[in-house]
Protein backbone atom coordinates (compact mmCIF):
# COMPACT_ATOMS: atom_id res chain seq x y z
CA GLY A 1 60.87 97.32 9.91
CA ARG A 2 59.30 100.66 11.07
CA TRP A 3 62.27 102.20 11.39
CA SER A 4 62.94 101.58 7.11
CA TYR A 5 60.03 102.72 5.89
CA PHE A 6 60.76 106.14 8.41
CA ARG A 7 64.07 106.69 6.99
CA MET A 8 62.65 106.04 3.31
CA CYS A 9 59.93 108.32 3.42
CA ASN A 10 62.29 111.23 5.36
CA PHE A 11 64.85 110.82 2.39
CA LEU A 12 61.91 110.89 -0.37
CA CYS A 13 60.64 114.03 1.19
CA TYR A 14 63.99 115.69 1.36
CA PHE A 15 65.30 114.82 -1.59
CA PHE A 16 62.53 116.10 -3.22
CA TYR A 17 62.18 118.87 -1.81
CA LYS A 18 65.84 120.24 -2.14
CA ASN A 19 65.48 119.04 -6.04
CA PHE A 20 62.81 121.40 -6.34
CA ALA A 21 64.34 124.30 -4.65
CA PHE A 22 67.61 123.67 -6.75
CA THR A 23 65.40 123.30 -10.14
CA LEU A 24 62.68 126.00 -9.97
CA VAL A 25 65.16 128.97 -9.48
CA HIS A 26 65.94 128.29 -13.02
CA PHE A 27 62.44 128.64 -14.07
CA TRP A 28 62.24 132.12 -11.76
CA PHE A 29 65.28 133.42 -13.91
CA GLY A 30 63.55 132.50 -17.01
CA PHE A 31 61.95 135.54 -16.75
CA PHE A 32 64.57 138.24 -16.51
CA CYS A 33 66.99 136.41 -18.95
CA GLY A 34 63.92 136.55 -21.69
CA PHE A 35 63.81 132.41 -21.51
CA SER A 36 67.12 132.34 -23.44
CA ALA A 37 68.34 128.94 -21.53
CA GLN A 38 71.03 130.48 -19.82
CA THR A 39 71.60 129.18 -15.88
CA VAL A 40 71.91 130.48 -13.06
CA TYR A 41 74.18 128.47 -11.55
CA ASP A 42 77.29 127.87 -12.89
CA GLN A 43 77.90 124.72 -14.61
CA TRP A 44 80.36 122.64 -12.01
CA PHE A 45 77.85 123.63 -9.39
CA ILE A 46 75.02 122.14 -11.13
CA THR A 47 77.59 119.12 -11.52
CA LEU A 48 78.45 118.69 -7.91
CA PHE A 49 74.83 119.69 -5.98
CA ASN A 50 73.72 116.42 -6.40
CA ILE A 51 76.82 114.39 -6.11
CA VAL A 52 78.89 116.20 -3.38
CA TYR A 53 77.37 118.68 -2.05
CA THR A 54 74.06 117.13 -0.70
CA SER A 55 74.59 113.52 -1.47
CA LEU A 56 75.85 111.77 1.94
CA PRO A 57 73.96 114.19 4.84
CA VAL A 58 70.66 112.44 3.05
CA LEU A 59 72.50 108.86 2.72
CA ALA A 60 73.44 109.41 6.67
CA MET A 61 69.86 110.21 7.27
CA GLY A 62 68.40 107.24 5.39
CA LEU A 63 70.94 104.63 7.01
CA PHE A 64 70.96 105.87 11.05
CA ASP A 65 67.77 107.99 11.35
CA GLN A 66 64.93 106.97 13.65
CA ASP A 67 62.12 108.38 15.73
CA VAL A 68 61.73 106.61 18.83
CA ASN A 69 64.54 104.13 19.99
CA GLU A 70 63.42 100.18 20.07
CA GLN A 71 62.27 99.48 23.69
CA SER A 72 59.43 102.62 22.65
CA SER A 73 58.92 100.88 19.82
CA LEU A 74 57.32 97.80 21.10
CA GLU A 75 55.91 99.16 23.90
CA HIS A 76 53.65 101.14 21.98
CA PRO A 77 52.21 99.17 19.24
CA LYS A 78 50.41 102.54 17.68
CA LEU A 79 53.55 103.75 16.56
CA TYR A 80 53.16 101.09 13.28
CA GLU A 81 49.93 102.25 12.21
CA PRO A 82 51.75 104.97 9.79
CA GLY A 83 53.44 102.23 7.76
CA GLN A 84 49.80 100.44 7.66
CA PHE A 85 48.53 103.43 6.63
CA ASN A 86 50.86 105.02 4.66
CA LEU A 87 50.96 107.99 5.97
CA LEU A 88 54.45 109.24 5.74
CA PHE A 89 54.44 109.41 2.20
CA ASN A 90 51.60 109.89 0.25
CA LYS A 91 50.15 112.83 -2.11
CA ARG A 92 49.42 115.02 0.70
CA LYS A 93 53.25 114.39 1.82
CA PHE A 94 54.56 114.66 -2.12
CA PHE A 95 52.42 118.07 -2.53
CA THR A 96 53.87 119.55 0.32
CA CYS A 97 57.30 118.75 -0.37
CA THR A 98 56.80 120.23 -3.80
CA LEU A 99 55.24 123.61 -2.03
CA GLN A 100 58.22 123.58 0.31
CA GLY A 101 60.13 123.30 -2.27
CA VAL A 102 58.64 126.14 -4.85
CA TYR A 103 58.53 128.17 -1.76
CA THR A 104 62.21 128.13 -0.80
CA SER A 105 63.17 128.26 -4.41
CA PHE A 106 61.21 132.03 -4.73
CA VAL A 107 62.56 132.91 -1.64
CA LEU A 108 66.15 132.35 -2.57
CA PHE A 109 66.00 134.21 -5.93
CA PHE A 110 64.07 137.27 -5.44
CA ILE A 111 65.59 137.80 -1.70
CA PRO A 112 68.99 138.22 -3.86
CA TYR A 113 67.66 140.01 -6.65
CA GLY A 114 65.85 142.27 -4.43
CA ALA A 115 69.25 142.58 -2.74
CA PHE A 116 71.06 143.15 -5.24
CA LEU A 117 69.15 145.29 -7.49
CA ASP A 118 70.24 148.93 -6.32
CA ASN A 119 73.64 147.78 -4.38
CA VAL A 120 76.92 148.64 -4.00
CA ARG A 121 80.47 147.45 -3.30
CA ASP A 122 81.82 149.13 -0.10
CA ASP A 123 84.38 151.00 -2.20
CA GLY A 124 81.42 152.29 -4.84
CA SER A 125 81.45 149.87 -7.10
CA HIS A 126 79.19 147.70 -8.65
CA ILE A 127 77.99 144.42 -7.11
CA THR A 128 75.20 143.51 -9.30
CA ASP A 129 77.00 140.87 -11.83
CA GLN A 130 75.69 137.85 -12.61
CA GLN A 131 78.43 135.48 -11.55
CA SER A 132 78.06 137.20 -7.80
CA PHE A 133 74.53 136.94 -7.95
CA THR A 134 75.59 133.30 -8.28
CA VAL A 135 77.75 132.77 -5.75
CA THR A 136 75.17 134.50 -3.56
CA ILE A 137 72.57 132.21 -4.75
CA ALA A 138 74.46 129.00 -4.72
CA THR A 139 75.88 129.63 -0.91
CA SER A 140 72.20 130.41 0.37
CA LEU A 141 70.76 126.87 -1.34
CA VAL A 142 73.77 124.93 -0.16
CA ILE A 143 73.16 126.12 3.40
CA VAL A 144 69.11 126.22 3.68
CA VAL A 145 69.31 122.90 2.75
CA SER A 146 71.92 121.60 4.95
CA VAL A 147 70.08 123.23 7.78
CA GLN A 148 67.09 121.36 6.54
CA ILE A 149 68.09 118.05 6.93
CA GLY A 150 69.54 119.06 10.49
CA LEU A 151 66.20 119.92 11.11
CA ASP A 152 64.94 116.67 9.38
CA THR A 153 67.09 114.27 11.41
CA ASN A 154 65.50 112.72 14.65
CA TYR A 155 68.86 110.71 15.40
CA TRP A 156 72.22 112.35 15.90
CA THR A 157 75.28 110.10 15.28
CA ALA A 158 79.35 111.50 14.85
CA VAL A 159 78.22 110.35 11.12
CA ASN A 160 75.53 112.70 10.72
CA HIS A 161 77.81 115.68 12.31
CA PHE A 162 80.41 114.93 9.85
CA TYR A 163 78.34 114.65 6.68
CA ILE A 164 76.33 117.49 7.17
CA TRP A 165 79.33 119.85 8.16
CA GLY A 166 81.56 118.27 6.38
CA SER A 167 79.53 118.99 2.71
CA VAL A 168 79.39 122.67 3.79
CA ALA A 169 82.94 122.67 4.09
CA VAL A 170 83.66 121.25 1.07
CA TYR A 171 81.17 123.30 -0.57
CA PHE A 172 83.18 126.05 0.11
CA SER A 173 86.92 124.49 -0.08
CA ILE A 174 85.18 123.81 -3.72
CA LEU A 175 84.11 127.15 -4.16
CA PHE A 176 87.48 128.94 -3.80
CA ALA A 177 89.53 126.32 -6.04
CA MET A 178 87.36 127.15 -8.52
CA HIS A 179 87.95 131.06 -8.80
CA SER A 180 91.19 131.29 -7.90
CA ASP A 181 94.36 131.54 -9.64
CA GLY A 182 95.74 128.72 -10.11
CA ILE A 183 93.36 126.72 -11.28
CA PHE A 184 92.99 129.64 -14.05
CA ASP A 185 96.53 129.06 -14.90
CA ILE A 186 95.86 125.46 -15.42
CA PHE A 187 92.29 125.59 -17.32
CA PRO A 188 92.00 128.95 -18.26
CA ASN A 189 88.95 127.88 -20.61
CA HIS A 190 86.61 126.13 -18.06
CA PHE A 191 87.42 128.43 -15.04
CA PRO A 192 87.77 131.92 -16.52
CA PHE A 193 85.68 133.84 -13.60
CA ILE A 194 88.89 134.60 -11.14
CA GLY A 195 88.15 135.68 -7.49
CA THR A 196 84.38 136.29 -7.46
CA ALA A 197 83.89 134.33 -4.46
CA ARG A 198 86.63 136.31 -3.08
CA ASN A 199 85.23 139.24 -3.93
CA SER A 200 81.83 138.67 -3.00
CA LEU A 201 82.25 136.63 0.28
CA CYS A 202 84.35 139.48 1.67
CA GLN A 203 81.25 141.86 1.45
CA LYS A 204 79.15 142.27 4.68
CA SER A 205 75.59 143.04 2.74
CA VAL A 206 76.62 139.34 0.85
CA TRP A 207 76.66 137.84 4.36
CA LEU A 208 73.20 139.41 5.50
CA VAL A 209 71.10 138.69 2.36
CA ILE A 210 72.49 134.69 3.18
CA LEU A 211 71.33 135.14 6.24
CA LEU A 212 68.30 136.63 6.11
CA THR A 213 67.43 134.10 3.34
CA THR A 214 68.24 131.33 5.49
CA VAL A 215 65.83 132.67 8.16
CA VAL A 216 63.48 133.48 5.62
CA CYS A 217 63.51 129.98 4.10
CA ILE A 218 63.78 128.07 7.63
CA VAL A 219 61.59 129.81 10.33
CA PRO A 220 58.23 128.87 9.01
CA VAL A 221 59.28 125.21 8.83
CA VAL A 222 60.44 126.11 11.95
CA ALA A 223 56.99 127.55 13.14
CA VAL A 224 54.99 125.28 11.55
CA ARG A 225 56.28 122.20 13.34
CA PHE A 226 56.29 123.60 16.37
CA LEU A 227 52.90 124.61 16.62
CA ARG A 228 52.09 120.80 14.83
CA ALA A 229 53.80 119.24 17.92
CA GLU A 230 52.02 121.14 20.27
CA LEU A 231 48.66 121.15 19.07
CA PHE A 232 48.52 118.11 17.05
CA PRO A 233 50.47 115.80 18.77
CA THR A 234 50.92 112.13 17.34
CA MET A 235 51.65 109.16 18.80
CA THR A 236 55.52 109.71 18.18
CA ASP A 237 55.29 113.21 19.60
CA LYS A 238 53.98 112.00 22.73
CA VAL A 239 56.20 108.78 23.14
CA ARG A 240 59.78 110.81 21.69
CA TYR A 241 58.23 113.28 24.76
CA LEU A 242 58.25 110.74 27.51
CA GLN A 243 61.80 109.39 26.15
CA GLN A 244 63.16 112.63 26.80
CA ALA A 245 61.14 113.10 30.28
CA SER A 246 62.76 109.73 31.18
CA ARG A 247 66.26 110.99 30.17
CA ARG A 248 66.06 114.05 32.73
CA GLN A 249 64.69 112.07 35.24
CA ARG A 250 67.46 109.63 35.00
CA PRO A 251 70.11 112.06 36.67
CA ARG A 252 67.76 113.52 38.74
CA GLU A 253 67.12 109.75 40.38
CA HIS A 254 71.16 109.24 40.17
CA ASN A 255 71.97 112.13 42.23
CA LEU A 256 69.21 111.55 45.02
CA LYS A 257 70.97 107.95 45.44
CA ARG A 258 74.47 109.72 45.77
CA ILE A 259 72.74 112.07 48.40
CA ARG A 260 70.97 109.17 50.03
CA ARG A 261 74.07 107.16 50.54
CA THR A 262 76.90 110.18 51.47
CA SER A 263 74.13 111.29 54.27
CA SER A 264 74.07 107.43 56.07
CA ARG A 265 77.86 107.93 56.69
CA ARG A 266 79.38 108.45 60.00
CA SER A 267 82.38 109.90 60.47
CA ALA A 268 84.95 107.22 62.91
CA TYR A 269 85.54 110.46 64.38
CA ALA A 270 82.13 110.65 65.66
CA PHE A 271 81.45 107.09 66.27
CA ALA A 272 84.78 107.23 68.68
CA HIS A 273 83.34 109.97 70.97
CA GLN A 274 79.91 107.79 71.24
CA GLU A 275 79.74 105.35 74.55
CA GLY A 276 80.60 102.32 73.33
CA TYR A 277 80.22 99.23 75.02
CA GLY A 278 82.60 99.10 77.71
CA GLU A 279 80.70 98.97 80.56
CA LEU A 280 78.48 96.15 79.27
CA ILE A 281 82.32 94.33 79.01
CA THR A 282 83.03 94.65 82.09
CA SER A 283 79.77 94.31 84.14
CA GLY A 284 79.86 90.53 82.66
CA LYS A 285 76.11 91.14 81.88
CA ASN A 286 76.88 89.30 78.47
CA MET A 287 79.00 86.56 79.85
CA LYS A 288 77.72 83.10 79.44
CA PHE A 289 79.29 81.16 82.76
CA SER A 290 80.14 77.83 82.16
CA ASN A 291 81.61 75.19 83.85
CA PRO A 292 84.83 74.17 81.68
CA PHE A 293 86.08 72.28 84.49
CA ALA A 294 83.11 69.46 85.12
CA THR A 295 85.54 67.04 83.63
CA LEU A 296 88.54 67.39 85.40
CA PRO A 297 89.46 65.82 88.92
CA MET A 298 88.83 67.40 92.16
CA GLY A 299 92.38 68.39 93.01
CA LYS A 300 92.89 69.98 89.51
CA MET A 301 89.79 71.74 89.53
CA GLN A 302 90.61 73.23 93.14
CA GLY A 303 94.26 74.22 91.53
CA SER A 304 92.59 75.86 88.94
CA THR A 305 90.09 78.00 90.66
CA SER A 306 92.54 79.26 93.05
CA TRP A 307 93.60 82.61 91.15
CA ILE A 308 89.30 82.95 91.11
CA ASP A 309 89.17 82.89 95.04
CA ASN A 310 92.48 85.16 94.97
CA LEU A 311 91.05 87.73 93.03
CA LEU A 312 87.39 87.83 94.38
CA LYS A 313 89.36 88.20 97.99
CA LYS A 314 90.49 91.09 96.68
CA ARG A 315 88.13 92.91 95.68
CA ALA A 316 86.21 91.65 98.68
CA GLU A 317 88.93 93.48 101.22
CA PRO A 318 88.26 97.40 100.20
CA SER A 319 84.59 97.06 100.83
CA SER A 320 84.98 95.72 103.79
CA SER A 321 87.59 98.29 105.24
CA THR A 322 85.13 101.23 103.72
CA GLY A 323 82.66 99.61 105.60
CA ALA A 324 84.93 99.26 109.22
CA ASP A 325 85.63 102.58 109.06
CA ARG A 326 82.19 104.25 107.97
CA THR A 327 80.60 102.49 111.29
CA PRO A 328 82.97 103.51 114.15
CA ARG A 329 82.18 107.23 112.41
CA GLN A 330 78.46 107.20 112.78
CA MET A 331 78.84 105.84 116.54
CA HIS A 332 81.15 108.43 117.16
CA LYS A 333 78.41 111.18 115.51
CA GLU A 334 75.86 109.41 117.60
């Protein structure tokens, strides 16, 4: 239940943000076109922005995103308080999304405008045509909103990666296709700007403008979220930190177990060269003598024990001979 509430609130926040960032660029452009209702974007980009370029990433976030796992949700009941008190989407959250969208639209328009104001191509020709300006703003917008949804995603899956980076790839594919010679030959009235994307994106200054615009839009968001998590952490931030700490600790414990298990091993070579149990076995101390012949007749018992008597006699003869040799020597010395 809390996952559904969390996903729905993030979906709405991102949806309002990207549409404010997309739409308000027309408002800033109106001050320079005399409010003549001329659009800053190409008509095909306006059509495909919400349908193709940014629809699948936000759909993946609304289906798969989660802040903490199910076990942590059950262990910490306070994680359910944001849903009970409507903390993840309210008037304050809506105002924050609107403000972020206004800021992003302002940066998306005025940084390229200031960069193209007195800029030329590598060959010295002008780069300040309206179509090159449009391509630069549209490319910056797609990259910025894609990076932003990457920051908003808390639980990454293969579907999220495929949708986010695939949407960026689809944008560039459609962009170059709409400004190609082949599609102009088929629909000359609908795609009149031949080679605009190719001529614009081959300039280093255009990519520098796109990079600068992306950094200026994203860095404040990253800084604010970092400071908020460090200075005013929520219950979700604390639980997520505990999850990360437990993930780091698991490989260490696994390595320690492996070290302990391998250190207790002993090689067969070292075991073979230690003092064994040969002396104990030959001494006969570990043997319990019993009388297995108690049930046998006397004749059979004497016959069966004759070989034991012979063995004892053989052991006694050398000891007696050594004793006889020592006695004369000692007497001779005396």
